[in-house]
């Protein structure tokens, strides 16, 4: 999920009652809920390095205890700094004392809980994560929530906006001010999010079943059978139909009843939209044929970007554009007359090729990787999301 949803989730968890048990609970849980995304620092080493380590070791069960210790240690340092600074005011004003005692053991367990919420939120969308890495490198993805869900974001925002609004109303009528506000709103918000997840998970399963039941007419191979013989015309061979060997249903951010489906028919991929309100499936106009195992394709798959991409993507759409191909996209290498003409191998993931407003800002879909190969199939350039790996 995007960072703000993670932060709001951690703070909302704290408001359910953890902030009454220990001081700094809200600060600790808000930081912990976003902390695994510290792996974005890998972007300093380039876009391919960032892609390789995104949702890597910091998103594993093995790393969570270490991350919780780092977070609580940082909060402890802040506590020591603030305690020295506020020692004199606290002695003269009892009201400046913290509303809850400082309990470091509880804070550590709260940090673990918030860290687990990050993994759960990331599992819910279709990018996935590897929680058992490095012992198990498999990617797991629930694929029932989009990376940004407007309804979930609204529910979390209400948990923080409504309590101050009601506090303002209460102050106007002279009601007593509560020390811990918003517990009921936080619990209600998280309960509603759980129900949204339940609905989306159920509809996701329905979309997979509907898409798996589709069939497609497959072209027949010419066997050289004559069109007629002495007894008359020979009937054409019966049309064969094929069902997908694998189906991925990807969520729509605006409706739990609309899903963007990718079906693997063996030799090609088919994209389609599923509407569960009327149980309809509308396939896209074109299909994506899997390329032949040419030396250029093998070289691109063996590159750094290729290895990382194939490890992550369950259904990569790969296109190979040789020199002279009219559909070959221009590159910076071609701008140099002295540079050799390159072969371009493009990696795309159909889970992020869906037709929604959030993904129409670029000619290439998100998470597009490109490997440029020279005449001897050496790697000339690797780019990820338009960024060049140096």
Protein backbone atom coordinates (compact mmCIF):
# COMPACT_ATOMS: atom_id res chain seq x y z
CA UNK A 1 0.00 0.00 0.00
CA UNK A 2 1.05 3.62 -0.32
CA UNK A 3 2.80 5.25 2.69
CA UNK A 4 -0.04 7.39 4.07
CA UNK A 5 -2.33 4.37 4.44
CA UNK A 6 0.41 2.55 6.36
CA UNK A 7 0.96 5.50 8.70
CA UNK A 8 -2.75 5.98 9.35
CA UNK A 9 -3.17 2.27 10.02
CA UNK A 10 -0.44 2.27 12.67
CA UNK A 11 -1.84 5.36 14.38
CA UNK A 12 -5.38 3.96 14.19
CA UNK A 13 -4.23 0.71 15.81
CA UNK A 14 -2.73 2.71 18.66
CA UNK A 15 -5.97 4.59 19.22
CA UNK A 16 -7.91 1.37 19.76
CA UNK A 17 -6.48 1.33 23.31
CA UNK A 18 -2.75 0.74 23.07
CA UNK A 19 -2.07 4.44 23.67
CA UNK A 20 -3.67 4.03 27.11
CA UNK A 21 -1.22 1.30 28.07
CA UNK A 22 2.10 2.98 27.30
CA UNK A 23 3.42 6.41 26.44
CA UNK A 24 4.71 6.94 22.90
CA UNK A 25 2.46 4.14 21.64
CA UNK A 26 1.02 6.21 18.80
CA UNK A 27 4.43 7.50 17.71
CA UNK A 28 5.95 4.03 17.86
CA UNK A 29 3.14 2.29 15.99
CA UNK A 30 2.86 4.95 13.29
CA UNK A 31 6.60 4.71 12.57
CA UNK A 32 6.58 0.91 12.69
CA UNK A 33 3.62 0.68 10.31
CA UNK A 34 5.68 2.40 7.60
CA UNK A 35 9.21 1.34 8.60
CA UNK A 36 9.61 -1.70 6.26
CA UNK A 37 9.48 0.69 3.30
CA UNK A 38 12.92 1.90 4.34
CA UNK A 39 14.07 -0.44 1.58
CA UNK A 40 13.42 2.49 -0.80
CA UNK A 41 16.95 3.59 0.13
CA UNK A 42 18.12 0.97 -2.38
CA UNK A 43 17.02 3.43 -5.06
CA UNK A 44 20.27 5.29 -4.35
CA UNK A 45 22.04 2.41 -6.12
CA UNK A 46 19.82 2.61 -9.19
CA UNK A 47 16.35 1.59 -10.40
CA UNK A 48 17.18 -2.08 -10.96
CA UNK A 49 18.72 -2.38 -7.49
CA UNK A 50 15.64 -0.69 -6.04
CA UNK A 51 13.35 -3.09 -7.90
CA UNK A 52 15.35 -6.10 -6.74
CA UNK A 53 15.19 -5.17 -3.05
CA UNK A 54 11.70 -3.64 -2.96
CA UNK A 55 9.64 -5.61 -0.45
CA UNK A 56 12.72 -7.65 0.27
CA UNK A 57 14.37 -8.44 3.60
CA UNK A 58 12.65 -5.58 5.47
CA UNK A 59 9.29 -7.17 4.60
CA UNK A 60 10.05 -10.56 6.17
CA UNK A 61 9.12 -12.19 9.47
CA UNK A 62 12.83 -12.71 10.11
CA UNK A 63 13.56 -8.97 10.10
CA UNK A 64 10.55 -7.76 12.12
CA UNK A 65 12.06 -8.33 15.61
CA UNK A 66 15.19 -6.42 14.57
CA UNK A 67 13.14 -3.57 13.10
CA UNK A 68 11.02 -3.35 16.26
CA UNK A 69 14.20 -3.06 18.33
CA UNK A 70 15.51 -0.26 16.11
CA UNK A 71 12.25 1.68 16.36
CA UNK A 72 11.94 1.33 20.14
CA UNK A 73 15.60 2.25 20.51
CA UNK A 74 15.03 5.44 18.53
CA UNK A 75 11.98 6.30 20.65
CA UNK A 76 14.06 5.68 23.78
CA UNK A 77 16.65 8.20 22.59
CA UNK A 78 13.90 10.75 21.97
CA UNK A 79 12.46 10.00 25.40
CA UNK A 80 15.81 10.71 27.05
CA UNK A 81 16.18 13.98 25.14
CA UNK A 82 12.67 15.19 25.98
CA UNK A 83 12.94 14.04 29.60
CA UNK A 84 16.01 16.20 30.21
CA UNK A 85 14.50 19.17 28.43
CA UNK A 86 11.15 18.97 30.22
CA UNK A 87 12.41 17.97 33.68
CA UNK A 88 12.03 21.47 35.15
CA UNK A 89 8.56 22.25 33.70
CA UNK A 90 7.29 18.82 34.75
CA UNK A 91 8.38 19.43 38.35
CA UNK A 92 6.51 22.72 38.55
CA UNK A 93 3.44 21.61 36.57
CA UNK A 94 2.00 18.15 37.33
CA UNK A 95 -0.26 18.37 34.28
CA UNK A 96 2.76 18.04 31.99
CA UNK A 97 3.31 14.43 33.06
CA UNK A 98 2.74 11.84 30.31
CA UNK A 99 -0.84 10.51 30.11
CA UNK A 100 0.41 6.92 30.25
CA UNK A 101 3.48 5.30 31.83
CA UNK A 102 6.55 4.48 29.76
CA UNK A 103 6.65 0.71 29.28
CA UNK A 104 9.38 -0.34 26.89
CA UNK A 105 8.44 -4.02 26.77
CA UNK A 106 4.89 -3.13 25.75
CA UNK A 107 6.17 -0.63 23.19
CA UNK A 108 8.28 -3.39 21.62
CA UNK A 109 5.24 -5.67 21.27
CA UNK A 110 3.19 -2.76 19.89
CA UNK A 111 5.91 -2.09 17.32
CA UNK A 112 5.81 -5.74 16.25
CA UNK A 113 2.03 -5.53 15.81
CA UNK A 114 2.31 -2.41 13.65
CA UNK A 115 5.07 -4.01 11.57
CA UNK A 116 2.82 -7.01 10.99
CA UNK A 117 0.09 -4.63 9.80
CA UNK A 118 2.48 -3.40 7.10
CA UNK A 119 3.03 -6.93 5.83
CA UNK A 120 -0.70 -7.63 5.90
CA UNK A 121 -1.53 -4.49 3.92
CA UNK A 122 1.16 -5.24 1.35
CA UNK A 123 -0.07 -8.82 1.03
CA UNK A 124 -3.58 -7.58 0.26
CA UNK A 125 -2.58 -5.98 -3.07
CA UNK A 126 -1.33 -7.63 -6.24
CA UNK A 127 2.35 -6.65 -6.06
CA UNK A 128 2.90 -9.18 -3.29
CA UNK A 129 5.74 -9.79 -0.85
CA UNK A 130 8.07 -12.57 0.35
CA UNK A 131 7.49 -12.88 4.11
CA UNK A 132 9.55 -16.08 4.47
CA UNK A 133 12.61 -14.84 2.56
CA UNK A 134 15.47 -15.94 2.50
CA UNK A 135 14.30 -19.44 3.47
CA UNK A 136 11.42 -19.37 0.97
CA UNK A 137 11.78 -16.97 -2.00
CA UNK A 138 8.16 -17.38 -3.13
CA UNK A 139 6.03 -14.27 -3.65
CA UNK A 140 2.59 -14.18 -1.98
CA UNK A 141 -0.16 -11.78 -3.09
CA UNK A 142 -3.79 -11.61 -2.00
CA UNK A 143 -4.63 -9.37 -4.99
CA UNK A 144 -7.95 -8.21 -3.56
CA UNK A 145 -7.07 -4.57 -2.74
CA UNK A 146 -5.52 -1.99 -5.07
CA UNK A 147 -2.29 -0.30 -3.97
CA UNK A 148 -4.42 2.74 -3.11
CA UNK A 149 -7.98 2.05 -2.02
CA UNK A 150 -10.06 5.25 -1.70
CA UNK A 151 -12.62 3.65 0.64
CA UNK A 152 -10.00 2.30 3.05
CA UNK A 153 -8.22 5.64 3.01
CA UNK A 154 -11.51 7.44 3.78
CA UNK A 155 -12.27 5.09 6.69
CA UNK A 156 -8.85 5.70 8.21
CA UNK A 157 -9.12 9.46 7.69
CA UNK A 158 -12.51 9.55 9.40
CA UNK A 159 -11.01 7.86 12.47
CA UNK A 160 -8.83 10.98 12.91
CA UNK A 161 -11.10 13.74 11.59
CA UNK A 162 -14.30 12.89 13.42
CA UNK A 163 -13.05 12.89 17.07
CA UNK A 164 -11.76 16.51 16.91
CA UNK A 165 -14.98 17.56 15.24
CA UNK A 166 -17.10 16.04 18.00
CA UNK A 167 -14.70 17.44 20.63
CA UNK A 168 -15.31 20.89 19.21
CA UNK A 169 -19.06 20.35 19.44
CA UNK A 170 -18.74 19.09 23.01
CA UNK A 171 -16.66 22.10 24.01
CA UNK A 172 -19.44 24.36 22.76
CA UNK A 173 -21.97 22.68 25.04
CA UNK A 174 -19.58 22.49 28.00
CA UNK A 175 -19.04 18.73 27.99
CA UNK A 176 -16.06 17.30 29.88
CA UNK A 177 -12.93 16.90 27.79
CA UNK A 178 -11.72 13.31 27.44
CA UNK A 179 -8.01 12.50 27.73
CA UNK A 180 -8.10 9.64 25.17
CA UNK A 181 -10.37 10.47 22.28
CA UNK A 182 -11.30 8.52 19.19
CA UNK A 183 -11.12 4.95 20.49
CA UNK A 184 -14.59 4.09 19.21
CA UNK A 185 -13.93 5.65 15.81
CA UNK A 186 -10.64 3.77 15.49
CA UNK A 187 -12.22 0.43 16.33
CA UNK A 188 -15.14 1.09 13.97
CA UNK A 189 -12.76 2.11 11.17
CA UNK A 190 -10.65 -1.04 11.46
CA UNK A 191 -13.78 -3.21 11.68
CA UNK A 192 -15.15 -1.64 8.49
CA UNK A 193 -11.82 -2.18 6.73
CA UNK A 194 -11.95 -5.85 7.73
CA UNK A 195 -15.43 -6.09 6.19
CA UNK A 196 -14.19 -4.39 3.00
CA UNK A 197 -11.39 -6.93 2.81
CA UNK A 198 -13.85 -9.78 3.31
CA UNK A 199 -16.08 -8.50 0.51
CA UNK A 200 -13.16 -7.94 -1.86
CA UNK A 201 -11.61 -11.35 -1.10
CA UNK A 202 -14.94 -13.04 -1.81
CA UNK A 203 -15.43 -11.15 -5.08
CA UNK A 204 -11.84 -11.85 -6.07
CA UNK A 205 -12.47 -15.58 -5.76
CA UNK A 206 -15.63 -15.22 -7.88
CA UNK A 207 -13.70 -13.34 -10.57
CA UNK A 208 -11.07 -16.08 -10.74
CA UNK A 209 -13.75 -18.78 -11.07
CA UNK A 210 -15.57 -16.84 -13.81
CA UNK A 211 -12.38 -16.20 -15.78
CA UNK A 212 -11.20 -19.81 -15.38
CA UNK A 213 -14.42 -21.05 -16.97
CA UNK A 214 -13.86 -19.09 -20.20
CA UNK A 215 -12.64 -20.88 -23.30
CA UNK A 216 -11.04 -19.70 -26.50
CA UNK A 217 -10.98 -21.21 -29.99
CA UNK A 218 -7.45 -22.27 -30.86
CA UNK A 219 -6.12 -22.16 -34.45
CA UNK A 220 -5.68 -25.58 -36.07
CA UNK A 221 -2.43 -26.68 -37.64
CA UNK A 222 -2.60 -27.50 -41.36
CA UNK A 223 -2.04 -31.26 -41.70
CA UNK A 224 -2.06 -31.28 -45.52
CA UNK A 225 -5.41 -33.11 -45.74
CA UNK A 226 -6.99 -32.53 -49.18
CA UNK A 227 -10.10 -30.41 -49.30
CA UNK A 228 -11.97 -33.16 -51.25
CA UNK A 229 -11.61 -36.71 -52.48
CA UNK A 230 -13.49 -39.07 -54.79
CA UNK A 231 -16.38 -39.37 -52.40
CA UNK A 232 -16.83 -35.61 -52.01
CA UNK A 233 -15.60 -32.72 -49.82
CA UNK A 234 -13.68 -33.61 -46.70
CA UNK A 235 -15.14 -31.91 -43.61
CA UNK A 236 -12.91 -29.43 -41.82
CA UNK A 237 -11.42 -30.64 -38.53
CA UNK A 238 -13.49 -29.68 -35.49
CA UNK A 239 -12.57 -26.46 -33.75
CA UNK A 240 -10.65 -27.02 -30.53
CA UNK A 241 -11.27 -24.86 -27.51
CA UNK A 242 -8.77 -24.21 -24.74
CA UNK A 243 -9.23 -23.03 -21.18
CA UNK A 244 -6.64 -20.96 -19.32
CA UNK A 245 -3.96 -22.79 -17.38
CA UNK A 246 -3.66 -19.91 -14.91
CA UNK A 247 -5.73 -16.84 -14.06
CA UNK A 248 -4.84 -13.68 -12.14
CA UNK A 249 -7.63 -11.31 -11.07
CA UNK A 250 -6.48 -7.78 -10.27
CA UNK A 251 -8.55 -5.32 -8.23
CA UNK A 252 -10.14 -2.13 -9.43
CA UNK A 253 -9.62 0.74 -6.95
CA UNK A 254 -13.17 2.04 -7.30
CA UNK A 255 -15.36 -1.07 -7.28
CA UNK A 256 -15.15 -4.50 -5.60
CA UNK A 257 -17.31 -5.90 -8.42
CA UNK A 258 -14.99 -4.98 -11.30
CA UNK A 259 -11.79 -6.97 -11.85
CA UNK A 260 -9.03 -6.89 -14.44
CA UNK A 261 -8.15 -10.45 -15.39
CA UNK A 262 -5.04 -11.94 -16.99
CA UNK A 263 -5.41 -15.46 -18.41
CA UNK A 264 -2.55 -17.70 -19.50
CA UNK A 265 -3.57 -19.90 -22.44
CA UNK A 266 -0.17 -21.53 -22.79
CA UNK A 267 1.09 -19.78 -25.90
CA UNK A 268 -0.30 -16.34 -25.16
CA UNK A 269 -1.84 -14.08 -22.52
CA UNK A 270 -5.33 -12.61 -22.73
CA UNK A 271 -6.44 -9.53 -20.77
CA UNK A 272 -10.11 -9.03 -19.91
CA UNK A 273 -12.45 -7.06 -17.67
CA UNK A 274 -14.86 -8.89 -15.40
CA UNK A 275 -18.09 -7.33 -14.13
CA UNK A 276 -19.52 -9.42 -11.32
CA UNK A 277 -22.75 -7.41 -11.15
CA UNK A 278 -23.88 -9.13 -14.37
CA UNK A 279 -21.28 -11.96 -14.45
CA UNK A 280 -19.81 -10.75 -17.74
CA UNK A 281 -16.28 -11.03 -19.12
CA UNK A 282 -15.11 -8.62 -21.80
CA UNK A 283 -11.77 -9.65 -23.37
CA UNK A 284 -9.36 -7.10 -24.76
CA UNK A 285 -9.06 -6.75 -28.52
CA UNK A 286 -5.47 -8.01 -28.73
CA UNK A 287 -3.62 -10.97 -27.27
CA UNK A 288 0.00 -11.09 -26.12
CA UNK A 289 1.86 -13.96 -27.76
CA UNK A 290 4.80 -15.42 -25.88
CA UNK A 291 8.03 -14.91 -27.86
CA UNK A 292 10.22 -17.67 -29.24
CA UNK A 293 13.28 -18.72 -27.24
CA UNK A 294 15.77 -16.79 -29.36
CA UNK A 295 19.36 -16.07 -28.27
CA UNK A 296 18.41 -12.42 -27.70
CA UNK A 297 15.56 -13.39 -25.38
CA UNK A 298 17.78 -15.80 -23.43
CA UNK A 299 20.47 -13.12 -23.07
CA UNK A 300 17.94 -10.56 -21.81
CA UNK A 301 16.45 -13.01 -19.33
CA UNK A 302 19.96 -13.76 -18.05
CA UNK A 303 20.69 -10.07 -17.39
CA UNK A 304 20.40 -8.55 -13.94
CA UNK A 305 17.06 -6.93 -14.72
CA UNK A 306 15.77 -10.05 -16.48
CA UNK A 307 16.56 -12.35 -13.55
CA UNK A 308 14.91 -10.03 -11.05
CA UNK A 309 11.86 -9.50 -13.26
CA UNK A 310 11.24 -13.19 -13.89
CA UNK A 311 11.65 -13.92 -10.19
CA UNK A 312 8.90 -11.43 -9.35
CA UNK A 313 6.40 -11.54 -12.23
CA UNK A 314 4.19 -14.64 -12.52
CA UNK A 315 3.12 -13.74 -16.08
CA UNK A 316 5.71 -11.51 -17.73
CA UNK A 317 4.83 -10.10 -21.15
CA UNK A 318 8.12 -9.96 -23.07
CA UNK A 319 8.64 -8.43 -26.50
CA UNK A 320 11.84 -8.61 -28.56
CA UNK A 321 12.48 -5.82 -31.08
CA UNK A 322 15.40 -6.56 -33.40
CA UNK A 323 17.29 -3.93 -35.42
CA UNK A 324 15.21 -2.80 -38.36
CA UNK A 325 11.92 -3.75 -36.72
CA UNK A 326 9.45 -0.91 -37.51
CA UNK A 327 7.81 -1.40 -34.10
CA UNK A 328 11.13 -1.06 -32.32
CA UNK A 329 11.04 1.85 -29.82
CA UNK A 330 13.78 4.50 -30.07
CA UNK A 331 16.49 4.55 -27.39
CA UNK A 332 19.28 6.81 -26.23
CA UNK A 333 21.80 4.36 -27.69
CA UNK A 334 20.39 5.01 -31.16
CA UNK A 335 21.05 8.75 -30.75
CA UNK A 336 24.79 8.05 -30.85
CA UNK A 337 25.85 7.37 -34.50
CA UNK A 338 28.97 5.56 -33.32
CA UNK A 339 27.02 3.21 -31.04
CA UNK A 340 26.07 -0.24 -32.34
CA UNK A 341 22.48 -0.88 -33.26
CA UNK A 342 20.79 -2.61 -30.38
CA UNK A 343 18.11 -5.21 -29.86
CA UNK A 344 15.49 -4.12 -27.32
CA UNK A 345 13.80 -6.60 -25.00
CA UNK A 346 10.88 -5.16 -23.02
CA UNK A 347 9.48 -6.70 -19.84
CA UNK A 348 5.96 -5.78 -18.73
CA UNK A 349 3.65 -7.19 -16.11
CA UNK A 350 -0.01 -7.52 -17.17
CA UNK A 351 -1.19 -6.97 -13.58
CA UNK A 352 -0.23 -3.32 -14.07
CA UNK A 353 -1.48 -2.90 -17.64
CA UNK A 354 -5.08 -2.31 -16.57
CA UNK A 355 -7.12 0.55 -18.00
CA UNK A 356 -7.72 2.89 -15.06
CA UNK A 357 -7.01 6.65 -14.72
CA UNK A 358 -4.20 6.07 -12.20
CA UNK A 359 -2.14 4.20 -14.82
CA UNK A 360 -2.56 6.36 -17.92
CA UNK A 361 0.11 8.96 -17.19
CA UNK A 362 2.88 7.19 -19.14
CA UNK A 363 3.12 5.45 -22.54
CA UNK A 364 4.57 2.44 -20.73
CA UNK A 365 2.70 0.81 -17.84
CA UNK A 366 4.26 0.94 -14.38
CA UNK A 367 7.09 -1.50 -13.67
CA UNK A 368 8.26 -1.70 -17.29
CA UNK A 369 11.82 -2.93 -17.69
CA UNK A 370 13.96 -2.66 -20.82
CA UNK A 371 17.20 -4.47 -21.66
CA UNK A 372 19.22 -3.27 -24.66
CA UNK A 373 21.57 -5.78 -26.27
CA UNK A 374 24.45 -5.19 -28.65
CA UNK A 375 25.38 -7.21 -31.77
CA UNK A 376 27.13 -9.82 -29.65
CA UNK A 377 24.13 -9.93 -27.27
CA UNK A 378 26.06 -8.05 -24.61
CA UNK A 379 24.00 -5.87 -22.26
CA UNK A 380 24.31 -2.22 -23.26
CA UNK A 381 21.71 -0.66 -21.00
CA UNK A 382 19.10 -1.62 -18.42
CA UNK A 383 16.23 0.67 -17.54
CA UNK A 384 13.38 0.31 -15.05
CA UNK A 385 10.41 2.67 -15.11
CA UNK A 386 12.41 4.95 -17.38
CA UNK A 387 15.40 5.15 -15.01
CA UNK A 388 18.80 3.92 -16.24
CA UNK A 389 20.84 1.56 -14.09
CA UNK A 390 24.45 2.71 -14.12
